[in-house]
Amino acid sequence: MLQTDQQNARPFDPIIFWVSASVTVLFILWSIIFPENMNTTINAVFGWTTQKWGWLYLLTAFMLVVGCLVLMGGSYGRLKLGLPGDKPEFSNFSWFAMLFGSAIAAGIVFWGPAEPAYHYMSPPPYFGGEALTPETGANAMTYSFFHWGLSAWAIYAILTIALAHACYTKNLPLNFSSAFYYAIGDRIYGIWGKVIDIFAVFATLGGLATTTGLVALQLSSGLKYQYGLELGTNAIYIIIAVLTVIFTIAVYTGVEKGIKIVGDVNMWVFIGVWFFILVFGPTIFLINLTANSFGQYLLHFLPMSLYTAPGVEGNWLGGWTVFYWAWWMSWAPFVSVFIARISKGRSIRETIAAVLILPTLGNFLWYGVVGGSGISFDVTAILKEHGVESAIFAIAQHLPLTGILAIFLIFLITTFFVTSANSAALSLACFVSGKENPGRNLRAFWGIALGAVAAVLAGTGKLKAIQTASIATAFPMIFLLLICLWGTFRGLNRHIKENPDA
């Protein structure tokens, strides 16, 4: 308890803060001064991790799904993430809206219309077949479901359960390293815990900074494609600056006032946009495609989960499935801390249902309707000409009230991202302070830091390379997740034995 008392007496852990900050600055300087060397190095690392270790990414994600289902369906599900008297802080709707928005950001708005259309014109090798056929369209949607389904969300769910249960029943600091208490015990207070938290800070900064650049690229493309507005060479900087101001103010006001409001609003807009496209788009086609792809997903889940693309030339698996799993893993530290932060008082069963099952179904509905519209309207030519970032706006061109719909889409992209950036800044403050409610200034500092890093990285002109770097940094997460999976069951079994009435 001495370590915890000492940690509570200071605003942040100096080792975690200064080491992670130094590593981040060195990486930024490397990307600016030696961009070609950086690009070559990280691409080599990415190729090595995806081609040599791709099978382990796949196996780990599959094992996490199985682990989550056992936790939810077994006797573990009744355990509470907290003490017997703890009650949930947020309503069910606000709770789900915050965790859903923080975990997917604008990624679902970006890839929802783009990925199915891409697979439609370039069929995944697992299914093969001829491009731009009805069968290929169904297969394209099935693989999109797979990339945004149970496997992805299981990565968040396991870490959330391990972290929340340990923190709220053992009075541990809300650090990412606390998720490994049931595996390594009090060593989370020593060098191993600090190494884990430093990695979490670096991965979060890299992952969110590249996502910020991606969102800025999509917003810039949307303004140009939809309205003919060009902000010039400084477009990325202007958009990143505006986004940074918004999410820094929101995170400064605190979870309840800032993130809750943003989360509620973007969830309602998300539902409204989905319903509009369903009603005014090719409704029957979308329903049939979604139902058919859901059935194919259930049928092919196991073989797709372990598909290593034997005999396929190139690195398709690394560019898609392994790339996705690694990306989700790079987001896992801050997402799991944030979801744990807002899930105190919930049971393991309802938490896994909210983190694993409901988001998966939500993604399927969004992809089926929005991505299905992209297939029905065949926006593949637009993707080739203007890039995947234009897909959602290309779909809007085929629907009524295009101008108004585009405004809501831009709003949705922005608010979803702000929710994620809020949760990232809050989690970073938790990483370096170990406190459930870190100080406002510390939260604001990390909000500004996220925007500053994003601006610097985007300014290198190597956004794709930096994105690849964030994926490469997620490589240690494979081993951390496996350790966490084992430790979670170990700790919960011990808890049940010591508290039979829990």
Foldseek 3Di string as FASTA:
>chain_A
DVLVVVLQVDQFFVVLVVVLVVVLVVVLVCCQPPVVVLLVVLVVLLCCCCQVVVLLLLVLLVVLLVLLVCCQPDPVQQAALADPPKAFPDDPQLLLLLLLLQQCACVLVLVLQQQLLVCQQVPDPVVDDHHLDPVSSLNSLLVVLLLQAQSLLSLQLLLLLLQSNQCRVVVFFLASLSLLCLQVNPCCSDDVVSVVLSLLLNLLLLLLLLVLQVLLVLLQLLCCVPPVDHPPPCSSVVSLVVLLVQLLVLLLVPCVRRLSVLSNVLVVLLVVLLVQLCVFFPNVLLVVSLVSSVVVNVVCVVVVSSDPPPPDPDSVCSVGVLLSSLSSLSLNRLSSSLSSLSRHGGGSNVSSCSRHVVSSVVSSSSSSRSNSLCSVVSCSVVCVVSNSSCSSLVSLVVGPPSVVSSVSSSVSSSSSSSSNLSSSLQNSSSNGSSHSGRHSVSSSVSSVSSSVSSVSCVVSVPSVSSSSSSSSSSSVSSVVSVSSSVSSVSVSVVVCVVPVPD
